Amino acid sequence: MKQAVTRVFMVRHGATVLSAEDRFAGATDVALSDEGREQTRRLADRLSHEKIMAIYASPLGRTVETASILAAPHKLEVQTRDGFREINHGRWEQMTRREVEEKFPEEAAEWEKDPYTFAPLGGESGLAVTARALPALIELVRDHPGENILVVSHKATIRLLLSSLLGFDPRRYRDNLDQKPAALNIVDFRDATRARLTLFNDTSHYDKDGSAIPEIPESRLSKWWNARGA
């Protein structure tokens, strides 16, 4: 007998009013921009014919609004889960990376070396985010055997979840994984312990003809990626 697969459509929220400013805004409740709403509407149209049984989101405004747009074609209510919140950057919140490096150089250097176990003052480590987000996701997989569900979360949280599910070194989640605004990922679960990444960071809905290819990452990246050769 063929075993049922739970499919999770995992989506990053659309662009926000702070996205273009390269500011740390993990715990800051910032709204979607008009661009972010349009990105999400195009994704909603793309997913409108999928049989999605439930939609979950981080409780922050940008994720709830994204999820609400995606839920409309399916006539579903958005259910929030605190575990899917974005990483809290503590006293770095609403500062640019350059401002952080100038004001807190020691913290910035430690975070670049290991963002998984290090956290700025008042903030969270990647490990802390994984500890709350992964159980929340696994609970949903167990609650929806053989069904399609949609989860709207955040850039760091999604990358940390994928690192854990796929066995990547979580200390490299910022170096090796990217998530564009309103990006679509698909993770298929045979059960709560067996996951396969079927689609990653897909933004083909950006273009009306569905042919877009994600651009080479150029912003909000780790120093490892931006380093120039000798």
Protein backbone atom coordinates (compact mmCIF):
# COMPACT_ATOMS: atom_id res chain seq x y z
CA MET A 1 0.00 0.00 0.00
CA LYS A 2 1.35 3.39 -1.01
CA GLN A 3 2.23 5.55 1.98
CA ALA A 4 0.59 8.98 2.19
CA VAL A 5 2.85 12.02 1.91
CA THR A 6 2.30 15.28 3.75
CA ARG A 7 3.27 18.21 1.52
CA VAL A 8 4.27 21.47 3.17
CA PHE A 9 4.24 24.61 1.03
CA MET A 10 6.70 26.73 3.01
CA VAL A 11 6.61 30.42 2.08
CA ARG A 12 8.59 33.43 3.16
CA HIS A 13 6.47 36.56 3.63
CA GLY A 14 6.46 39.17 0.87
CA ALA A 15 8.74 42.21 0.74
CA THR A 16 8.27 44.76 3.51
CA VAL A 17 8.79 48.48 3.86
CA LEU A 18 12.15 47.78 5.52
CA SER A 19 13.39 45.09 3.10
CA ALA A 20 15.13 47.57 0.82
CA GLU A 21 16.88 49.26 3.74
CA ASP A 22 18.82 46.16 4.83
CA ARG A 23 17.74 46.53 8.46
CA PHE A 24 17.49 43.88 11.15
CA ALA A 25 13.76 43.52 11.72
CA GLY A 26 13.21 40.01 12.99
CA ALA A 27 11.03 40.88 15.97
CA THR A 28 9.88 44.24 14.59
CA ASP A 29 6.27 44.12 13.40
CA VAL A 30 6.64 45.76 10.00
CA ALA A 31 4.02 45.78 7.25
CA LEU A 32 4.23 44.40 3.73
CA SER A 33 5.10 46.90 1.02
CA ASP A 34 2.97 47.26 -2.11
CA GLU A 35 5.62 45.20 -3.89
CA GLY A 36 5.30 42.49 -1.26
CA ARG A 37 1.53 42.36 -1.67
CA GLU A 38 1.86 42.02 -5.43
CA GLN A 39 4.44 39.24 -5.06
CA THR A 40 2.07 37.43 -2.72
CA ARG A 41 -0.98 37.89 -4.96
CA ARG A 42 0.93 36.28 -7.82
CA LEU A 43 1.91 33.38 -5.60
CA ALA A 44 -1.71 33.04 -4.44
CA ASP A 45 -2.79 32.71 -8.06
CA ARG A 46 -0.07 30.12 -8.65
CA LEU A 47 -1.27 28.04 -5.70
CA SER A 48 -4.98 28.59 -6.21
CA HIS A 49 -5.51 25.17 -7.82
CA GLU A 50 -3.63 23.23 -5.15
CA LYS A 51 -5.73 21.32 -2.62
CA ILE A 52 -4.48 23.02 0.54
CA MET A 53 -6.22 21.91 3.73
CA ALA A 54 -4.84 24.40 6.27
CA ILE A 55 -2.74 27.57 6.39
CA TYR A 56 -0.46 28.50 9.28
CA ALA A 57 1.67 31.58 9.90
CA SER A 58 3.98 33.32 12.30
CA PRO A 59 1.93 35.81 14.35
CA LEU A 60 3.77 38.87 13.02
CA GLY A 61 1.84 41.24 10.78
CA ARG A 62 3.82 40.66 7.60
CA THR A 63 3.37 36.89 7.77
CA VAL A 64 -0.31 37.05 8.72
CA GLU A 65 -1.02 39.42 5.82
CA THR A 66 0.92 37.20 3.42
CA ALA A 67 -0.94 34.13 4.66
CA SER A 68 -4.31 35.91 4.39
CA ILE A 69 -3.70 36.72 0.73
CA LEU A 70 -2.68 33.12 0.08
CA ALA A 71 -5.67 31.76 2.02
CA ALA A 72 -8.32 33.74 0.13
CA PRO A 73 -8.63 31.43 -2.93
CA HIS A 74 -9.04 28.44 -0.60
CA LYS A 75 -11.51 30.14 1.77
CA LEU A 76 -9.39 29.12 4.75
CA GLU A 77 -8.71 30.93 8.02
CA VAL A 78 -5.10 31.66 8.92
CA GLN A 79 -3.95 29.89 12.07
CA THR A 80 -0.96 31.41 13.86
CA ARG A 81 1.86 29.48 15.51
CA ASP A 82 4.34 31.36 17.69
CA GLY A 83 7.09 28.87 16.86
CA PHE A 84 7.34 30.22 13.31
CA ARG A 85 8.33 33.75 14.41
CA GLU A 86 11.49 35.28 12.95
CA ILE A 87 14.74 35.34 14.89
CA ASN A 88 14.88 38.16 17.45
CA HIS A 89 17.97 40.33 16.96
CA GLY A 90 17.71 41.95 20.39
CA ARG A 91 19.35 45.34 20.58
CA TRP A 92 20.20 45.18 16.86
CA GLU A 93 16.55 45.48 15.85
CA GLN A 94 15.87 48.21 13.25
CA MET A 95 19.58 48.93 12.83
CA THR A 96 21.43 48.46 9.53
CA ARG A 97 24.28 46.00 9.34
CA ARG A 98 26.78 48.84 9.07
CA GLU A 99 25.34 50.48 12.19
CA VAL A 100 25.63 47.20 14.09
CA GLU A 101 29.23 46.69 12.99
CA GLU A 102 30.12 50.22 14.09
CA LYS A 103 28.28 50.17 17.43
CA PHE A 104 28.73 46.51 18.45
CA PRO A 105 31.82 45.28 16.56
CA GLU A 106 32.57 42.37 18.90
CA GLU A 107 29.02 41.02 18.74
CA ALA A 108 28.94 41.42 14.95
CA ALA A 109 32.20 39.50 14.58
CA GLU A 110 30.99 36.62 16.78
CA TRP A 111 27.69 36.44 14.91
CA GLU A 112 29.46 36.25 11.56
CA LYS A 113 31.56 33.33 12.85
CA ASP A 114 28.69 31.34 14.31
CA PRO A 115 25.13 32.68 14.04
CA TYR A 116 23.79 29.33 15.21
CA THR A 117 24.98 29.42 18.82
CA PHE A 118 25.70 33.15 19.26
CA ALA A 119 23.03 35.76 19.91
CA PRO A 120 23.32 39.55 20.34
CA LEU A 121 22.30 40.98 23.71
CA GLY A 122 18.57 40.49 24.15
CA GLY A 123 18.29 38.39 21.01
CA GLU A 124 18.05 34.76 19.94
CA SER A 125 20.55 32.32 18.51
CA GLY A 126 19.77 30.16 15.51
CA LEU A 127 19.69 27.22 17.91
CA ALA A 128 16.93 28.86 19.95
CA VAL A 129 14.89 29.49 16.80
CA THR A 130 15.29 25.87 15.68
CA ALA A 131 14.25 24.66 19.14
CA ARG A 132 10.87 26.37 18.82
CA ALA A 133 10.25 26.20 15.05
CA LEU A 134 11.07 22.56 14.35
CA PRO A 135 8.69 21.07 16.95
CA ALA A 136 5.94 23.39 15.65
CA LEU A 137 6.45 22.12 12.10
CA ILE A 138 6.66 18.46 13.08
CA GLU A 139 3.44 18.80 15.08
CA LEU A 140 1.65 20.06 11.95
CA VAL A 141 3.03 17.19 9.87
CA ARG A 142 1.65 14.74 12.41
CA ASP A 143 -1.70 16.57 12.49
CA HIS A 144 -2.09 16.47 8.69
CA PRO A 145 -1.06 13.01 7.45
CA GLY A 146 -1.34 12.78 3.68
CA GLU A 147 -2.54 16.39 3.29
CA ASN A 148 -1.20 19.61 1.79
CA ILE A 149 -0.64 22.48 4.19
CA LEU A 150 0.90 25.93 3.83
CA VAL A 151 3.23 27.58 6.35
CA VAL A 152 4.23 31.25 6.10
CA SER A 153 7.35 32.16 8.04
CA HIS A 154 10.54 34.21 7.75
CA LYS A 155 13.93 34.16 6.07
CA ALA A 156 16.12 32.95 8.93
CA THR A 157 13.48 30.64 10.39
CA ILE A 158 12.90 28.86 7.08
CA ARG A 159 16.63 28.46 6.44
CA LEU A 160 17.14 27.04 9.92
CA LEU A 161 14.24 24.61 9.48
CA LEU A 162 15.60 23.38 6.16
CA SER A 163 19.10 23.02 7.61
CA SER A 164 17.74 20.81 10.38
CA LEU A 165 15.43 18.74 8.17
CA LEU A 166 18.09 18.08 5.52
CA GLY A 167 21.08 17.59 7.80
CA PHE A 168 23.02 20.70 6.74
CA ASP A 169 25.54 22.28 9.10
CA PRO A 170 23.28 24.87 10.79
CA ARG A 171 26.25 27.15 11.47
CA ARG A 172 26.32 27.79 7.72
CA TYR A 173 22.64 28.56 7.20
CA ARG A 174 23.35 32.20 6.36
CA ASP A 175 26.23 31.30 4.04
CA ASN A 176 24.67 28.50 2.02
CA LEU A 177 20.92 29.15 1.84
CA ASP A 178 18.87 32.09 0.57
CA GLN A 179 15.18 33.05 0.70
CA LYS A 180 13.71 35.78 -1.47
CA PRO A 181 10.53 37.60 -0.41
CA ALA A 182 7.44 35.49 -1.17
CA ALA A 183 9.68 32.58 -2.17
CA LEU A 184 8.04 29.16 -2.41
CA ASN A 185 9.61 26.03 -0.96
CA ILE A 186 8.03 22.58 -0.97
CA VAL A 187 8.97 19.93 1.59
CA ASP A 188 7.44 16.46 1.33
CA PHE A 189 7.24 14.30 4.46
CA ARG A 190 6.88 10.52 4.44
CA ASP A 191 6.52 10.84 8.18
CA ALA A 192 7.72 13.16 10.93
CA THR A 193 11.34 12.05 10.54
CA ARG A 194 11.70 11.71 6.74
CA ALA A 195 11.64 14.90 4.70
CA ARG A 196 12.60 15.69 1.11
CA LEU A 197 13.10 19.20 -0.28
CA THR A 198 11.22 19.22 -3.60
CA LEU A 199 11.37 22.95 -4.41
CA PHE A 200 13.58 25.67 -2.97
CA ASN A 201 13.49 29.49 -3.04
CA ASP A 202 11.32 29.55 -6.15
CA THR A 203 10.12 32.96 -7.34
CA SER A 204 8.91 32.12 -10.85
CA HIS A 205 5.59 33.75 -9.94
CA TYR A 206 7.34 37.15 -9.88
CA ASP A 207 6.93 37.30 -13.66
CA LYS A 208 3.49 36.90 -15.15
CA ASP A 209 4.81 34.40 -17.67
CA GLY A 210 6.21 32.26 -14.85
CA SER A 211 9.69 32.13 -16.35
CA ALA A 212 11.65 34.12 -13.79
CA ILE A 213 14.94 32.74 -12.47
CA PRO A 214 16.06 33.93 -9.00
CA GLU A 215 18.77 36.56 -9.24
CA ILE A 216 22.25 35.94 -7.83
CA PRO A 217 22.06 37.04 -4.16
CA GLU A 218 23.58 40.48 -3.60
CA SER A 219 22.15 41.82 -0.33
CA ARG A 220 21.66 40.78 3.32
CA LEU A 221 24.36 38.15 2.95
CA SER A 222 27.13 36.84 5.17
CA LYS A 223 30.68 38.09 4.82
CA TRP A 224 31.67 34.57 3.71
CA TRP A 225 29.64 34.99 0.52
CA ASN A 226 30.73 38.57 -0.11
CA ALA A 227 34.45 37.88 0.43
CA ARG A 228 36.63 38.69 -2.57
CA GLY A 229 39.46 36.45 -3.66
CA ALA A 230 43.05 37.62 -3.31
